[in-house]
Amino acid sequence: MEVPRKIRTYCPRCRKHTEHTVSLYKPGKRRTLAAGERRYEAKKKGYGSKRKPEQKRTAKITKKQVLKIKCSVCGYIQHRRGIRLRKLIIVEERG
């Protein structure tokens, strides 16, 4: 699916429609000292194996891609709900 690099959509901070730049959301590195991560490590500890059995076959062949849109006026960043698709291409404006 092709998505334009710039879209004109509503900005909740400006409270009007402005031009937004579109990019693909990528999750950052997990914090090892976060409470959930420490709890997960503690659960995994011992016996030298995984906490749950590793899944052999995956049911889904695609991942949900989340769009990150940034307002060009105020710089407010918001996420667009993930769309399940095989390939996402962000294209430049033609013309």
N, C-alpha and C. Protein backbone atom coordinates (compact mmCIF):
# COMPACT_ATOMS: atom_id res chain seq x y z
N MET A 1 0.85 -1.18 0.00
CA MET A 1 0.00 0.00 0.00
C MET A 1 0.89 1.23 0.00
N GLU A 2 0.54 2.21 -0.80
CA GLU A 2 1.30 3.44 -0.88
C GLU A 2 0.63 4.53 -0.05
N VAL A 3 1.42 5.21 0.76
CA VAL A 3 0.93 6.30 1.60
C VAL A 3 1.72 7.55 1.25
N PRO A 4 1.05 8.71 1.05
CA PRO A 4 1.79 9.93 0.72
C PRO A 4 2.64 10.42 1.89
N ARG A 5 3.79 11.05 1.59
CA ARG A 5 4.71 11.57 2.61
C ARG A 5 4.05 12.69 3.42
N LYS A 6 3.21 13.52 2.76
CA LYS A 6 2.53 14.61 3.46
C LYS A 6 1.02 14.47 3.28
N ILE A 7 0.29 14.55 4.40
CA ILE A 7 -1.17 14.52 4.33
C ILE A 7 -1.73 15.71 5.10
N ARG A 8 -2.90 16.14 4.69
CA ARG A 8 -3.56 17.25 5.37
C ARG A 8 -4.67 16.65 6.23
N THR A 9 -4.51 16.72 7.55
CA THR A 9 -5.46 16.10 8.47
C THR A 9 -5.59 16.94 9.74
N TYR A 10 -6.51 16.55 10.61
CA TYR A 10 -6.81 17.33 11.83
C TYR A 10 -5.71 17.20 12.87
N CYS A 11 -5.32 18.34 13.45
CA CYS A 11 -4.35 18.36 14.55
C CYS A 11 -5.09 18.76 15.82
N PRO A 12 -5.10 17.90 16.87
CA PRO A 12 -5.83 18.23 18.09
C PRO A 12 -5.23 19.40 18.86
N ARG A 13 -3.93 19.67 18.71
CA ARG A 13 -3.34 20.78 19.43
C ARG A 13 -3.64 22.12 18.73
N CYS A 14 -3.54 22.14 17.40
CA CYS A 14 -3.88 23.36 16.64
C CYS A 14 -5.39 23.55 16.53
N ARG A 15 -6.13 22.48 16.71
CA ARG A 15 -7.59 22.44 16.58
C ARG A 15 -8.07 22.84 15.19
N LYS A 16 -7.31 22.46 14.18
CA LYS A 16 -7.71 22.68 12.79
C LYS A 16 -6.95 21.71 11.89
N HIS A 17 -7.31 21.66 10.62
CA HIS A 17 -6.62 20.80 9.67
C HIS A 17 -5.31 21.46 9.24
N THR A 18 -4.22 20.73 9.37
CA THR A 18 -2.91 21.21 8.95
C THR A 18 -2.18 20.11 8.20
N GLU A 19 -1.05 20.46 7.59
CA GLU A 19 -0.27 19.47 6.86
C GLU A 19 0.58 18.67 7.85
N HIS A 20 0.60 17.36 7.67
CA HIS A 20 1.36 16.46 8.53
C HIS A 20 2.34 15.65 7.69
N THR A 21 3.51 15.37 8.25
CA THR A 21 4.46 14.48 7.59
C THR A 21 4.26 13.07 8.15
N VAL A 22 4.30 12.09 7.27
CA VAL A 22 4.00 10.71 7.64
C VAL A 22 5.29 9.89 7.67
N SER A 23 5.46 9.10 8.74
CA SER A 23 6.56 8.14 8.81
C SER A 23 6.04 6.86 9.46
N LEU A 24 6.88 5.84 9.46
CA LEU A 24 6.49 4.55 10.00
C LEU A 24 6.94 4.45 11.45
N TYR A 25 6.05 4.03 12.35
CA TYR A 25 6.38 3.90 13.76
C TYR A 25 7.21 2.65 13.99
N LYS A 26 8.31 2.81 14.70
CA LYS A 26 9.12 1.66 15.08
C LYS A 26 9.31 1.69 16.59
N PRO A 27 9.00 0.59 17.29
CA PRO A 27 9.17 0.59 18.74
C PRO A 27 10.63 0.69 19.13
N GLY A 28 10.92 1.42 20.20
CA GLY A 28 12.30 1.59 20.65
C GLY A 28 12.78 0.40 21.46
N LYS A 29 14.02 0.51 21.93
CA LYS A 29 14.62 -0.55 22.73
C LYS A 29 13.95 -0.59 24.09
N ARG A 30 13.68 -1.80 24.60
CA ARG A 30 13.00 -1.94 25.88
C ARG A 30 13.93 -1.58 27.03
N ARG A 31 13.40 -0.92 28.07
CA ARG A 31 14.19 -0.53 29.23
C ARG A 31 14.33 -1.72 30.17
N THR A 32 15.56 -2.12 30.46
CA THR A 32 15.80 -3.31 31.29
C THR A 32 15.47 -3.07 32.75
N LEU A 33 15.45 -1.82 33.20
CA LEU A 33 15.14 -1.54 34.61
C LEU A 33 13.67 -1.22 34.85
N ALA A 34 12.84 -1.28 33.81
CA ALA A 34 11.40 -1.06 33.98
C ALA A 34 10.81 -2.22 34.78
N ALA A 35 9.79 -1.94 35.58
CA ALA A 35 9.21 -2.94 36.49
C ALA A 35 8.74 -4.18 35.75
N GLY A 36 8.08 -4.01 34.63
CA GLY A 36 7.57 -5.14 33.87
C GLY A 36 8.68 -6.02 33.32
N GLU A 37 9.77 -5.38 32.88
CA GLU A 37 10.91 -6.12 32.34
C GLU A 37 11.62 -6.90 33.44
N ARG A 38 11.73 -6.31 34.63
CA ARG A 38 12.35 -6.99 35.77
C ARG A 38 11.51 -8.19 36.20
N ARG A 39 10.20 -8.02 36.20
CA ARG A 39 9.28 -9.10 36.57
C ARG A 39 9.39 -10.25 35.57
N TYR A 40 9.48 -9.90 34.29
CA TYR A 40 9.59 -10.91 33.22
C TYR A 40 10.89 -11.69 33.37
N GLU A 41 11.99 -10.99 33.65
CA GLU A 41 13.30 -11.64 33.86
C GLU A 41 13.26 -12.59 35.06
N ALA A 42 12.59 -12.15 36.13
CA ALA A 42 12.48 -12.99 37.33
C ALA A 42 11.68 -14.25 37.06
N LYS A 43 10.63 -14.12 36.24
CA LYS A 43 9.81 -15.28 35.89
C LYS A 43 10.59 -16.27 35.03
N LYS A 44 11.43 -15.73 34.15
CA LYS A 44 12.23 -16.58 33.25
C LYS A 44 13.34 -17.31 33.98
N LYS A 45 13.75 -16.82 35.14
CA LYS A 45 14.94 -17.32 35.85
C LYS A 45 14.77 -18.78 36.30
N GLY A 46 15.86 -19.53 36.23
CA GLY A 46 15.87 -20.91 36.70
C GLY A 46 15.68 -21.93 35.59
N TYR A 47 16.11 -23.13 35.78
CA TYR A 47 15.95 -24.28 34.89
C TYR A 47 16.54 -24.10 33.48
N GLY A 48 16.97 -22.91 33.14
CA GLY A 48 17.64 -22.69 31.86
C GLY A 48 16.78 -22.83 30.63
N SER A 49 15.46 -22.68 30.76
CA SER A 49 14.59 -22.78 29.58
C SER A 49 13.70 -21.55 29.48
N LYS A 50 12.89 -21.52 28.45
CA LYS A 50 11.97 -20.41 28.25
C LYS A 50 10.81 -20.52 29.23
N ARG A 51 10.12 -19.38 29.44
CA ARG A 51 8.99 -19.35 30.35
C ARG A 51 7.78 -20.06 29.75
N LYS A 52 7.61 -19.88 28.44
CA LYS A 52 6.51 -20.54 27.72
C LYS A 52 7.09 -21.26 26.51
N PRO A 53 6.42 -22.28 25.99
CA PRO A 53 6.95 -22.96 24.81
C PRO A 53 6.97 -22.02 23.60
N GLU A 54 8.02 -22.13 22.79
CA GLU A 54 8.16 -21.28 21.62
C GLU A 54 7.20 -21.75 20.54
N GLN A 55 6.54 -20.79 19.90
CA GLN A 55 5.55 -21.12 18.89
C GLN A 55 6.24 -21.55 17.60
N LYS A 56 5.83 -22.69 17.08
CA LYS A 56 6.47 -23.23 15.87
C LYS A 56 5.92 -22.55 14.61
N ARG A 57 4.61 -22.56 14.47
CA ARG A 57 3.97 -21.97 13.28
C ARG A 57 3.28 -20.68 13.67
N THR A 58 3.36 -19.66 12.82
CA THR A 58 2.64 -18.42 13.08
C THR A 58 1.37 -18.40 12.23
N ALA A 59 0.29 -17.92 12.83
CA ALA A 59 -1.00 -17.91 12.15
C ALA A 59 -1.08 -16.77 11.14
N LYS A 60 -0.46 -15.65 11.48
CA LYS A 60 -0.58 -14.47 10.63
C LYS A 60 0.67 -14.29 9.77
N ILE A 61 0.47 -13.78 8.56
CA ILE A 61 1.61 -13.58 7.66
C ILE A 61 1.95 -12.10 7.55
N THR A 62 1.16 -11.23 8.18
CA THR A 62 1.43 -9.79 8.12
C THR A 62 1.47 -9.21 9.52
N LYS A 63 2.05 -8.01 9.63
CA LYS A 63 2.06 -7.30 10.89
C LYS A 63 1.26 -6.03 10.75
N LYS A 64 0.77 -5.51 11.87
CA LYS A 64 0.03 -4.26 11.83
C LYS A 64 1.03 -3.11 11.81
N GLN A 65 0.97 -2.30 10.76
CA GLN A 65 1.87 -1.16 10.60
C GLN A 65 1.21 0.09 11.16
N VAL A 66 1.90 0.79 12.05
CA VAL A 66 1.36 2.01 12.66
C VAL A 66 2.02 3.21 12.01
N LEU A 67 1.19 4.20 11.62
CA LEU A 67 1.71 5.41 11.01
C LEU A 67 1.93 6.48 12.08
N LYS A 68 3.06 7.17 11.99
CA LYS A 68 3.37 8.26 12.91
C LYS A 68 3.24 9.55 12.12
N ILE A 69 2.28 10.41 12.50
CA ILE A 69 2.10 11.66 11.77
C ILE A 69 2.46 12.84 12.64
N LYS A 70 3.22 13.79 12.05
CA LYS A 70 3.73 14.94 12.78
C LYS A 70 3.21 16.22 12.13
N CYS A 71 2.61 17.09 12.95
CA CYS A 71 2.07 18.36 12.47
C CYS A 71 3.22 19.28 12.07
N SER A 72 3.12 19.88 10.89
CA SER A 72 4.19 20.76 10.42
C SER A 72 4.11 22.14 11.06
N VAL A 73 2.99 22.48 11.71
CA VAL A 73 2.83 23.79 12.35
C VAL A 73 3.36 23.76 13.78
N CYS A 74 2.84 22.84 14.61
CA CYS A 74 3.21 22.82 16.04
C CYS A 74 4.14 21.67 16.40
N GLY A 75 4.32 20.69 15.52
CA GLY A 75 5.22 19.57 15.79
C GLY A 75 4.61 18.45 16.62
N TYR A 76 3.29 18.49 16.84
CA TYR A 76 2.60 17.46 17.62
C TYR A 76 2.62 16.14 16.86
N ILE A 77 3.02 15.06 17.55
CA ILE A 77 3.10 13.74 16.91
C ILE A 77 1.96 12.86 17.43
N GLN A 78 1.26 12.23 16.51
CA GLN A 78 0.22 11.27 16.90
C GLN A 78 0.34 10.02 16.05
N HIS A 79 -0.22 8.92 16.55
CA HIS A 79 -0.15 7.65 15.86
C HIS A 79 -1.49 7.34 15.21
N ARG A 80 -1.42 6.80 14.00
CA ARG A 80 -2.61 6.30 13.33
C ARG A 80 -2.69 4.81 13.58
N ARG A 81 -3.89 4.33 13.87
CA ARG A 81 -4.10 2.92 14.21
C ARG A 81 -3.50 2.00 13.15
N GLY A 82 -2.94 0.89 13.61
CA GLY A 82 -2.24 -0.04 12.72
C GLY A 82 -3.14 -0.69 11.69
N ILE A 83 -2.63 -0.73 10.46
CA ILE A 83 -3.35 -1.38 9.36
C ILE A 83 -2.58 -2.66 9.06
N ARG A 84 -3.30 -3.77 8.90
CA ARG A 84 -2.64 -5.03 8.60
C ARG A 84 -2.40 -5.11 7.10
N LEU A 85 -1.13 -5.06 6.72
CA LEU A 85 -0.78 -5.15 5.31
C LEU A 85 0.62 -5.71 5.14
N ARG A 86 0.89 -6.22 3.94
CA ARG A 86 2.17 -6.87 3.68
C ARG A 86 3.29 -5.85 3.50
N LYS A 87 3.03 -4.81 2.71
CA LYS A 87 4.08 -3.86 2.40
C LYS A 87 3.54 -2.44 2.46
N LEU A 88 4.26 -1.56 3.15
CA LEU A 88 3.87 -0.16 3.27
C LEU A 88 4.97 0.69 2.67
N ILE A 89 4.62 1.48 1.66
CA ILE A 89 5.59 2.35 1.00
C ILE A 89 5.14 3.80 1.17
N ILE A 90 6.04 4.64 1.71
CA ILE A 90 5.73 6.07 1.84
C ILE A 90 6.30 6.76 0.61
N VAL A 91 5.41 7.35 -0.22
CA VAL A 91 5.83 7.94 -1.50
C VAL A 91 5.86 9.46 -1.41
N GLU A 92 6.76 10.05 -2.18
CA GLU A 92 6.86 11.51 -2.30
C GLU A 92 5.76 12.01 -3.22
N GLU A 93 5.48 13.30 -3.13
CA GLU A 93 4.47 13.91 -4.01
C GLU A 93 4.98 13.92 -5.45
N ARG A 94 4.09 13.59 -6.36
CA ARG A 94 4.44 13.64 -7.79
C ARG A 94 3.93 14.96 -8.36
N GLY A 95 4.70 15.52 -9.29
CA GLY A 95 4.15 16.69 -9.95
C GLY A 95 5.05 17.77 -10.12
